[in-house]
Amino acid sequence: MLLGITLLNPTTVIYFAALVLGTRTGATAGFWEQAVFVTAAFVASASWQVLLAGGGALLGRALTGHRGRLVTALVAAAVMTVLALRMAVSHG
């Protein structure tokens, strides 16, 4: 699925296709240099998406447990209290 997302990411495809096609006009880069560039760009994009998906899964697992929900609720309550106090002091 991640491979499909990487392949179908229109921004990535357009950007790197433009770079490769742009280097063909008058540049000295041959076919193999361009192939290496496209492969490296694909691997970089895929690894970034794997990192994001893995990090999101780990964070989601941590936040959906009992302790994670408790910590999230306490942090949210603290932020709301600080914001309410700032508003009360500035308008008081």
PDB file of N, CA and C in Angstrom:
ATOM      1  N   MET A   1       0.824  -1.183   0.000  1.00  0.00           N
ATOM      2  CA  MET A   1       0.000   0.000   0.000  1.00  0.00           C
ATOM      3  C   MET A   1       0.877   1.259   0.000  1.00  0.00           C
ATOM      4  N   LEU A   2       1.946   1.222   0.812  1.00  0.00           N
ATOM      5  CA  LEU A   2       2.851   2.370   0.879  1.00  0.00           C
ATOM      6  C   LEU A   2       3.530   2.611  -0.460  1.00  0.00           C
ATOM      7  N   LEU A   3       3.884   1.532  -1.123  1.00  0.00           N
ATOM      8  CA  LEU A   3       4.490   1.653  -2.452  1.00  0.00           C
ATOM      9  C   LEU A   3       3.516   2.322  -3.412  1.00  0.00           C
ATOM     10  N   GLY A   4       2.254   1.931  -3.344  1.00  0.00           N
ATOM     11  CA  GLY A   4       1.239   2.534  -4.201  1.00  0.00           C
ATOM     12  C   GLY A   4       1.053   4.008  -3.920  1.00  0.00           C
ATOM     13  N   ILE A   5       1.051   4.389  -2.640  1.00  0.00           N
ATOM     14  CA  ILE A   5       0.917   5.802  -2.273  1.00  0.00           C
ATOM     15  C   ILE A   5       2.103   6.597  -2.814  1.00  0.00           C
ATOM     16  N   THR A   6       3.296   6.031  -2.680  1.00  0.00           N
ATOM     17  CA  THR A   6       4.488   6.720  -3.168  1.00  0.00           C
ATOM     18  C   THR A   6       4.437   6.875  -4.683  1.00  0.00           C
ATOM     19  N   LEU A   7       4.033   5.827  -5.376  1.00  0.00           N
ATOM     20  CA  LEU A   7       3.977   5.892  -6.832  1.00  0.00           C
ATOM     21  C   LEU A   7       2.900   6.847  -7.326  1.00  0.00           C
ATOM     22  N   LEU A   8       1.809   6.974  -6.583  1.00  0.00           N
ATOM     23  CA  LEU A   8       0.695   7.801  -7.030  1.00  0.00           C
ATOM     24  C   LEU A   8       0.716   9.214  -6.465  1.00  0.00           C
ATOM     25  N   ASN A   9       1.723   9.545  -5.674  1.00  0.00           N
ATOM     26  CA  ASN A   9       1.814  10.888  -5.116  1.00  0.00           C
ATOM     27  C   ASN A   9       2.075  11.857  -6.268  1.00  0.00           C
ATOM     28  N   PRO A  10       1.079  12.629  -6.670  1.00  0.00           N
ATOM     29  CA  PRO A  10       1.250  13.459  -7.872  1.00  0.00           C
ATOM     30  C   PRO A  10       2.330  14.519  -7.735  1.00  0.00           C
ATOM     31  N   THR A  11       2.493  15.069  -6.567  1.00  0.00           N
ATOM     32  CA  THR A  11       3.518  16.095  -6.392  1.00  0.00           C
ATOM     33  C   THR A  11       4.904  15.505  -6.618  1.00  0.00           C
ATOM     34  N   THR A  12       5.164  14.364  -6.022  1.00  0.00           N
ATOM     35  CA  THR A  12       6.462  13.717  -6.182  1.00  0.00           C
ATOM     36  C   THR A  12       6.697  13.318  -7.632  1.00  0.00           C
ATOM     37  N   VAL A  13       5.707  12.725  -8.252  1.00  0.00           N
ATOM     38  CA  VAL A  13       5.849  12.269  -9.635  1.00  0.00           C
ATOM     39  C   VAL A  13       6.116  13.450 -10.560  1.00  0.00           C
ATOM     40  N   ILE A  14       5.341  14.521 -10.440  1.00  0.00           N
ATOM     41  CA  ILE A  14       5.509  15.689 -11.313  1.00  0.00           C
ATOM     42  C   ILE A  14       6.860  16.356 -11.076  1.00  0.00           C
ATOM     43  N   TYR A  15       7.231  16.510  -9.800  1.00  0.00           N
ATOM     44  CA  TYR A  15       8.479  17.185  -9.460  1.00  0.00           C
ATOM     45  C   TYR A  15       9.684  16.449 -10.050  1.00  0.00           C
ATOM     46  N   PHE A  16       9.766  15.151  -9.799  1.00  0.00           N
ATOM     47  CA  PHE A  16      10.933  14.416 -10.261  1.00  0.00           C
ATOM     48  C   PHE A  16      10.896  14.152 -11.764  1.00  0.00           C
ATOM     49  N   ALA A  17       9.721  14.047 -12.332  1.00  0.00           N
ATOM     50  CA  ALA A  17       9.643  13.926 -13.790  1.00  0.00           C
ATOM     51  C   ALA A  17      10.133  15.219 -14.444  1.00  0.00           C
ATOM     52  N   ALA A  18       9.759  16.354 -13.868  1.00  0.00           N
ATOM     53  CA  ALA A  18      10.233  17.638 -14.404  1.00  0.00           C
ATOM     54  C   ALA A  18      11.742  17.765 -14.272  1.00  0.00           C
ATOM     55  N   LEU A  19      12.280  17.315 -13.147  1.00  0.00           N
ATOM     56  CA  LEU A  19      13.730  17.375 -12.975  1.00  0.00           C
ATOM     57  C   LEU A  19      14.454  16.501 -13.998  1.00  0.00           C
ATOM     58  N   VAL A  20      13.957  15.301 -14.184  1.00  0.00           N
ATOM     59  CA  VAL A  20      14.607  14.384 -15.124  1.00  0.00           C
ATOM     60  C   VAL A  20      14.469  14.899 -16.547  1.00  0.00           C
ATOM     61  N   LEU A  21      13.277  15.329 -16.919  1.00  0.00           N
ATOM     62  CA  LEU A  21      13.084  15.831 -18.280  1.00  0.00           C
ATOM     63  C   LEU A  21      13.840  17.131 -18.499  1.00  0.00           C
ATOM     64  N   GLY A  22      13.950  17.954 -17.474  1.00  0.00           N
ATOM     65  CA  GLY A  22      14.677  19.209 -17.593  1.00  0.00           C
ATOM     66  C   GLY A  22      16.168  19.004 -17.777  1.00  0.00           C
ATOM     67  N   THR A  23      16.701  17.927 -17.224  1.00  0.00           N
ATOM     68  CA  THR A  23      18.138  17.683 -17.363  1.00  0.00           C
ATOM     69  C   THR A  23      18.484  17.097 -18.722  1.00  0.00           C
ATOM     70  N   ARG A  24      17.493  16.628 -19.455  1.00  0.00           N
ATOM     71  CA  ARG A  24      17.771  16.045 -20.769  1.00  0.00           C
ATOM     72  C   ARG A  24      18.135  17.106 -21.793  1.00  0.00           C
ATOM     73  N   THR A  25      17.707  18.311 -21.604  1.00  0.00           N
ATOM     74  CA  THR A  25      17.957  19.354 -22.597  1.00  0.00           C
ATOM     75  C   THR A  25      19.321  19.976 -22.363  1.00  0.00           C
ATOM     76  N   GLY A  26      20.298  19.502 -23.063  1.00  0.00           N
ATOM     77  CA  GLY A  26      21.624  20.096 -23.024  1.00  0.00           C
ATOM     78  C   GLY A  26      22.497  19.672 -21.862  1.00  0.00           C
ATOM     79  N   ALA A  27      22.041  18.806 -21.016  1.00  0.00           N
ATOM     80  CA  ALA A  27      22.849  18.392 -19.869  1.00  0.00           C
ATOM     81  C   ALA A  27      23.682  17.172 -20.244  1.00  0.00           C
ATOM     82  N   THR A  28      24.698  16.916 -19.451  1.00  0.00           N
ATOM     83  CA  THR A  28      25.602  15.798 -19.739  1.00  0.00           C
ATOM     84  C   THR A  28      25.191  14.520 -19.023  1.00  0.00           C
ATOM     85  N   ALA A  29      24.144  14.550 -18.228  1.00  0.00           N
ATOM     86  CA  ALA A  29      23.710  13.352 -17.503  1.00  0.00           C
ATOM     87  C   ALA A  29      23.162  12.331 -18.494  1.00  0.00           C
ATOM     88  N   GLY A  30      23.667  11.113 -18.395  1.00  0.00           N
ATOM     89  CA  GLY A  30      23.213  10.049 -19.267  1.00  0.00           C
ATOM     90  C   GLY A  30      22.033   9.313 -18.675  1.00  0.00           C
ATOM     91  N   PHE A  31      21.625   8.265 -19.371  1.00  0.00           N
ATOM     92  CA  PHE A  31      20.477   7.484 -18.942  1.00  0.00           C
ATOM     93  C   PHE A  31      20.685   6.899 -17.557  1.00  0.00           C
ATOM     94  N   TRP A  32      21.868   6.345 -17.276  1.00  0.00           N
ATOM     95  CA  TRP A  32      22.096   5.684 -15.987  1.00  0.00           C
ATOM     96  C   TRP A  32      22.130   6.679 -14.835  1.00  0.00           C
ATOM     97  N   GLU A  33      22.663   7.858 -15.079  1.00  0.00           N
ATOM     98  CA  GLU A  33      22.657   8.884 -14.033  1.00  0.00           C
ATOM     99  C   GLU A  33      21.229   9.301 -13.711  1.00  0.00           C
ATOM    100  N   GLN A  34      20.415   9.444 -14.743  1.00  0.00           N
ATOM    101  CA  GLN A  34      19.018   9.807 -14.529  1.00  0.00           C
ATOM    102  C   GLN A  34      18.259   8.686 -13.831  1.00  0.00           C
ATOM    103  N   ALA A  35      18.557   7.431 -14.203  1.00  0.00           N
ATOM    104  CA  ALA A  35      17.896   6.291 -13.564  1.00  0.00           C
ATOM    105  C   ALA A  35      18.263   6.210 -12.080  1.00  0.00           C
ATOM    106  N   VAL A  36      19.535   6.466 -11.769  1.00  0.00           N
ATOM    107  CA  VAL A  36      19.966   6.462 -10.370  1.00  0.00           C
ATOM    108  C   VAL A  36      19.276   7.578  -9.604  1.00  0.00           C
ATOM    109  N   PHE A  37      19.151   8.751 -10.230  1.00  0.00           N
ATOM    110  CA  PHE A  37      18.483   9.875  -9.577  1.00  0.00           C
ATOM    111  C   PHE A  37      17.024   9.546  -9.280  1.00  0.00           C
ATOM    112  N   VAL A  38      16.310   9.001 -10.252  1.00  0.00           N
ATOM    113  CA  VAL A  38      14.899   8.663 -10.063  1.00  0.00           C
ATOM    114  C   VAL A  38      14.748   7.593  -8.990  1.00  0.00           C
ATOM    115  N   THR A  39      15.618   6.584  -9.010  1.00  0.00           N
ATOM    116  CA  THR A  39      15.565   5.534  -7.991  1.00  0.00           C
ATOM    117  C   THR A  39      15.831   6.102  -6.610  1.00  0.00           C
ATOM    118  N   ALA A  40      16.830   6.955  -6.486  1.00  0.00           N
ATOM    119  CA  ALA A  40      17.142   7.557  -5.185  1.00  0.00           C
ATOM    120  C   ALA A  40      15.993   8.435  -4.700  1.00  0.00           C
ATOM    121  N   ALA A  41      15.372   9.175  -5.598  1.00  0.00           N
ATOM    122  CA  ALA A  41      14.230  10.008  -5.212  1.00  0.00           C
ATOM    123  C   ALA A  41      13.061   9.143  -4.754  1.00  0.00           C
ATOM    124  N   PHE A  42      12.827   8.042  -5.446  1.00  0.00           N
ATOM    125  CA  PHE A  42      11.756   7.121  -5.054  1.00  0.00           C
ATOM    126  C   PHE A  42      12.031   6.517  -3.685  1.00  0.00           C
ATOM    127  N   VAL A  43      13.261   6.064  -3.462  1.00  0.00           N
ATOM    128  CA  VAL A  43      13.619   5.468  -2.171  1.00  0.00           C
ATOM    129  C   VAL A  43      13.498   6.501  -1.050  1.00  0.00           C
ATOM    130  N   ALA A  44      13.903   7.726  -1.312  1.00  0.00           N
ATOM    131  CA  ALA A  44      13.792   8.778  -0.304  1.00  0.00           C
ATOM    132  C   ALA A  44      12.330   9.055   0.030  1.00  0.00           C
ATOM    133  N   SER A  45      11.488   9.133  -0.977  1.00  0.00           N
ATOM    134  CA  SER A  45      10.072   9.382  -0.751  1.00  0.00           C
ATOM    135  C   SER A  45       9.427   8.221   0.002  1.00  0.00           C
ATOM    136  N   ALA A  46       9.747   7.006  -0.413  1.00  0.00           N
ATOM    137  CA  ALA A  46       9.176   5.827   0.248  1.00  0.00           C
ATOM    138  C   ALA A  46       9.642   5.726   1.693  1.00  0.00           C
ATOM    139  N   SER A  47      10.923   6.000   1.950  1.00  0.00           N
ATOM    140  CA  SER A  47      11.420   5.902   3.331  1.00  0.00           C
ATOM    141  C   SER A  47      10.797   6.972   4.219  1.00  0.00           C
ATOM    142  N   TRP A  48      10.565   8.159   3.682  1.00  0.00           N
ATOM    143  CA  TRP A  48       9.912   9.215   4.453  1.00  0.00           C
ATOM    144  C   TRP A  48       8.478   8.810   4.812  1.00  0.00           C
ATOM    145  N   GLN A  49       7.760   8.211   3.858  1.00  0.00           N
ATOM    146  CA  GLN A  49       6.397   7.784   4.132  1.00  0.00           C
ATOM    147  C   GLN A  49       6.363   6.625   5.118  1.00  0.00           C
ATOM    148  N   VAL A  50       7.337   5.727   5.049  1.00  0.00           N
ATOM    149  CA  VAL A  50       7.420   4.644   6.028  1.00  0.00           C
ATOM    150  C   VAL A  50       7.684   5.213   7.419  1.00  0.00           C
ATOM    151  N   LEU A  51       8.567   6.193   7.498  1.00  0.00           N
ATOM    152  CA  LEU A  51       8.852   6.838   8.781  1.00  0.00           C
ATOM    153  C   LEU A  51       7.600   7.510   9.342  1.00  0.00           C
ATOM    154  N   LEU A  52       6.870   8.231   8.512  1.00  0.00           N
ATOM    155  CA  LEU A  52       5.643   8.883   8.968  1.00  0.00           C
ATOM    156  C   LEU A  52       4.590   7.869   9.405  1.00  0.00           C
ATOM    157  N   ALA A  53       4.404   6.822   8.622  1.00  0.00           N
ATOM    158  CA  ALA A  53       3.401   5.815   8.959  1.00  0.00           C
ATOM    159  C   ALA A  53       3.785   5.064  10.233  1.00  0.00           C
ATOM    160  N   GLY A  54       5.057   4.694  10.343  1.00  0.00           N
ATOM    161  CA  GLY A  54       5.515   3.985  11.550  1.00  0.00           C
ATOM    162  C   GLY A  54       5.430   4.855  12.789  1.00  0.00           C
ATOM    163  N   GLY A  55       5.861   6.116  12.653  1.00  0.00           N
ATOM    164  CA  GLY A  55       5.781   7.040  13.784  1.00  0.00           C
ATOM    165  C   GLY A  55       4.345   7.293  14.202  1.00  0.00           C
ATOM    166  N   GLY A  56       3.453   7.432  13.223  1.00  0.00           N
ATOM    167  CA  GLY A  56       2.038   7.631  13.524  1.00  0.00           C
ATOM    168  C   GLY A  56       1.424   6.427  14.210  1.00  0.00           C
ATOM    169  N   ALA A  57       1.818   5.238  13.768  1.00  0.00           N
ATOM    170  CA  ALA A  57       1.298   4.017  14.400  1.00  0.00           C
ATOM    171  C   ALA A  57       1.781   3.904  15.842  1.00  0.00           C
ATOM    172  N   LEU A  58       3.063   4.208  16.058  1.00  0.00           N
ATOM    173  CA  LEU A  58       3.587   4.139  17.429  1.00  0.00           C
ATOM    174  C   LEU A  58       2.942   5.186  18.327  1.00  0.00           C
ATOM    175  N   LEU A  59       2.804   6.391  17.826  1.00  0.00           N
ATOM    176  CA  LEU A  59       2.172   7.447  18.608  1.00  0.00           C
ATOM    177  C   LEU A  59       0.711   7.122  18.876  1.00  0.00           C
ATOM    178  N   GLY A  60       0.016   6.615  17.882  1.00  0.00           N
ATOM    179  CA  GLY A  60      -1.384   6.222  18.066  1.00  0.00           C
ATOM    180  C   GLY A  60      -1.530   5.134  19.102  1.00  0.00           C
ATOM    181  N   ARG A  61      -0.642   4.157  19.083  1.00  0.00           N
ATOM    182  CA  ARG A  61      -0.696   3.076  20.060  1.00  0.00           C
ATOM    183  C   ARG A  61      -0.433   3.609  21.466  1.00  0.00           C
ATOM    184  N   ALA A  62       0.515   4.534  21.565  1.00  0.00           N
ATOM    185  CA  ALA A  62       0.848   5.093  22.878  1.00  0.00           C
ATOM    186  C   ALA A  62      -0.291   5.947  23.419  1.00  0.00           C
ATOM    187  N   LEU A  63      -0.969   6.691  22.548  1.00  0.00           N
ATOM    188  CA  LEU A  63      -2.012   7.602  23.009  1.00  0.00           C
ATOM    189  C   LEU A  63      -3.363   6.938  23.244  1.00  0.00           C
ATOM    190  N   THR A  64      -3.587   5.769  22.682  1.00  0.00           N
ATOM    191  CA  THR A  64      -4.884   5.119  22.856  1.00  0.00           C
ATOM    192  C   THR A  64      -4.935   4.209  24.069  1.00  0.00           C
ATOM    193  N   GLY A  65      -3.807   3.965  24.715  1.00  0.00           N
ATOM    194  CA  GLY A  65      -3.803   3.168  25.939  1.00  0.00           C
ATOM    195  C   GLY A  65      -4.339   3.978  27.115  1.00  0.00           C
ATOM    196  N   HIS A  66      -4.533   3.306  28.242  1.00  0.00           N
ATOM    197  CA  HIS A  66      -5.072   3.965  29.434  1.00  0.00           C
ATOM    198  C   HIS A  66      -4.181   5.125  29.871  1.00  0.00           C
ATOM    199  N   ARG A  67      -2.892   4.877  29.968  1.00  0.00           N
ATOM    200  CA  ARG A  67      -1.957   5.928  30.406  1.00  0.00           C
ATOM    201  C   ARG A  67      -1.894   7.070  29.400  1.00  0.00           C
ATOM    202  N   GLY A  68      -1.901   6.760  28.130  1.00  0.00           N
ATOM    203  CA  GLY A  68      -1.862   7.791  27.098  1.00  0.00           C
ATOM    204  C   GLY A  68      -3.073   8.697  27.136  1.00  0.00           C
ATOM    205  N   ARG A  69      -4.256   8.110  27.328  1.00  0.00           N
ATOM    206  CA  ARG A  69      -5.473   8.924  27.430  1.00  0.00           C
ATOM    207  C   ARG A  69      -5.445   9.799  28.670  1.00  0.00           C
ATOM    208  N   LEU A  70      -4.922   9.268  29.774  1.00  0.00           N
ATOM    209  CA  LEU A  70      -4.825  10.053  31.009  1.00  0.00           C
ATOM    210  C   LEU A  70      -3.879  11.238  30.820  1.00  0.00           C
ATOM    211  N   VAL A  71      -2.714  10.981  30.250  1.00  0.00           N
ATOM    212  CA  VAL A  71      -1.738  12.052  30.028  1.00  0.00           C
ATOM    213  C   VAL A  71      -2.312  13.100  29.073  1.00  0.00           C
ATOM    214  N   THR A  72      -2.970  12.651  28.003  1.00  0.00           N
ATOM    215  CA  THR A  72      -3.567  13.579  27.050  1.00  0.00           C
ATOM    216  C   THR A  72      -4.631  14.449  27.729  1.00  0.00           C
ATOM    217  N   ALA A  73      -5.466  13.853  28.569  1.00  0.00           N
ATOM    218  CA  ALA A  73      -6.497  14.622  29.270  1.00  0.00           C
ATOM    219  C   ALA A  73      -5.879  15.624  30.233  1.00  0.00           C
ATOM    220  N   LEU A  74      -4.829  15.222  30.947  1.00  0.00           N
ATOM    221  CA  LEU A  74      -4.184  16.144  31.889  1.00  0.00           C
ATOM    222  C   LEU A  74      -3.508  17.305  31.167  1.00  0.00           C
ATOM    223  N   VAL A  75      -2.841  17.021  30.066  1.00  0.00           N
ATOM    224  CA  VAL A  75      -2.189  18.088  29.290  1.00  0.00           C
ATOM    225  C   VAL A  75      -3.241  19.033  28.718  1.00  0.00           C
ATOM    226  N   ALA A  76      -4.328  18.492  28.189  1.00  0.00           N
ATOM    227  CA  ALA A  76      -5.394  19.330  27.644  1.00  0.00           C
ATOM    228  C   ALA A  76      -6.004  20.215  28.725  1.00  0.00           C
ATOM    229  N   ALA A  77      -6.227  19.650  29.922  1.00  0.00           N
ATOM    230  CA  ALA A  77      -6.785  20.437  31.027  1.00  0.00           C
ATOM    231  C   ALA A  77      -5.819  21.542  31.449  1.00  0.00           C
ATOM    232  N   ALA A  78      -4.536  21.236  31.469  1.00  0.00           N
ATOM    233  CA  ALA A  78      -3.541  22.241  31.852  1.00  0.00           C
ATOM    234  C   ALA A  78      -3.486  23.372  30.821  1.00  0.00           C
ATOM    235  N   VAL A  79      -3.529  23.039  29.560  1.00  0.00           N
ATOM    236  CA  VAL A  79      -3.500  24.054  28.502  1.00  0.00           C
ATOM    237  C   VAL A  79      -4.747  24.943  28.597  1.00  0.00           C
ATOM    238  N   MET A  80      -5.906  24.334  28.783  1.00  0.00           N
ATOM    239  CA  MET A  80      -7.144  25.115  28.905  1.00  0.00           C
ATOM    240  C   MET A  80      -7.098  26.026  30.126  1.00  0.00           C
ATOM    241  N   THR A  81      -6.549  25.542  31.241  1.00  0.00           N
ATOM    242  CA  THR A  81      -6.447  26.358  32.450  1.00  0.00           C
ATOM    243  C   THR A  81      -5.525  27.546  32.228  1.00  0.00           C
ATOM    244  N   VAL A  82      -4.373  27.303  31.599  1.00  0.00           N
ATOM    245  CA  VAL A  82      -3.424  28.383  31.324  1.00  0.00           C
ATOM    246  C   VAL A  82      -4.055  29.421  30.395  1.00  0.00           C
ATOM    247  N   LEU A  83      -4.745  28.974  29.355  1.00  0.00           N
ATOM    248  CA  LEU A  83      -5.387  29.908  28.439  1.00  0.00           C
ATOM    249  C   LEU A  83      -6.488  30.710  29.134  1.00  0.00           C
ATOM    250  N   ALA A  84      -7.264  30.053  29.982  1.00  0.00           N
ATOM    251  CA  ALA A  84      -8.319  30.758  30.714  1.00  0.00           C
ATOM    252  C   ALA A  84      -7.725  31.784  31.669  1.00  0.00           C
ATOM    253  N   LEU A  85      -6.647  31.423  32.352  1.00  0.00           N
ATOM    254  CA  LEU A  85      -6.008  32.364  33.267  1.00  0.00           C
ATOM    255  C   LEU A  85      -5.421  33.555  32.512  1.00  0.00           C
ATOM    256  N   ARG A  86      -4.788  33.311  31.386  1.00  0.00           N
ATOM    257  CA  ARG A  86      -4.232  34.415  30.580  1.00  0.00           C
ATOM    258  C   ARG A  86      -5.324  35.354  30.110  1.00  0.00           C
ATOM    259  N   MET A  87      -6.454  34.797  29.710  1.00  0.00           N
ATOM    260  CA  MET A  87      -7.545  35.620  29.249  1.00  0.00           C
ATOM    261  C   MET A  87      -8.146  36.417  30.410  1.00  0.00           C
ATOM    262  N   ALA A  88      -8.256  35.788  31.573  1.00  0.00           N
ATOM    263  CA  ALA A  88      -8.812  36.480  32.744  1.00  0.00           C
ATOM    264  C   ALA A  88      -7.885  37.609  33.182  1.00  0.00           C
ATOM    265  N   VAL A  89      -6.578  37.383  33.147  1.00  0.00           N
ATOM    266  CA  VAL A  89      -5.615  38.408  33.585  1.00  0.00           C
ATOM    267  C   VAL A  89      -5.573  39.553  32.573  1.00  0.00           C
ATOM    268  N   SER A  90      -5.599  39.239  31.280  1.00  0.00           N
ATOM    269  CA  SER A  90      -5.493  40.302  30.274  1.00  0.00           C
ATOM    270  C   SER A  90      -6.769  41.139  30.164  1.00  0.00           C
ATOM    271  N   HIS A  91      -7.915  40.560  30.507  1.00  0.00           N
ATOM    272  CA  HIS A  91      -9.174  41.297  30.423  1.00  0.00           C
ATOM    273  C   HIS A  91      -9.639  41.780  31.805  1.00  0.00           C
ATOM    274  N   GLY A  92      -8.889  41.474  32.824  1.00  0.00           N
ATOM    275  CA  GLY A  92      -9.302  41.807  34.187  1.00  0.00           C
ATOM    276  C   GLY A  92      -8.848  43.131  34.565  1.00  0.00           C
TER     277      GLY A  92
END
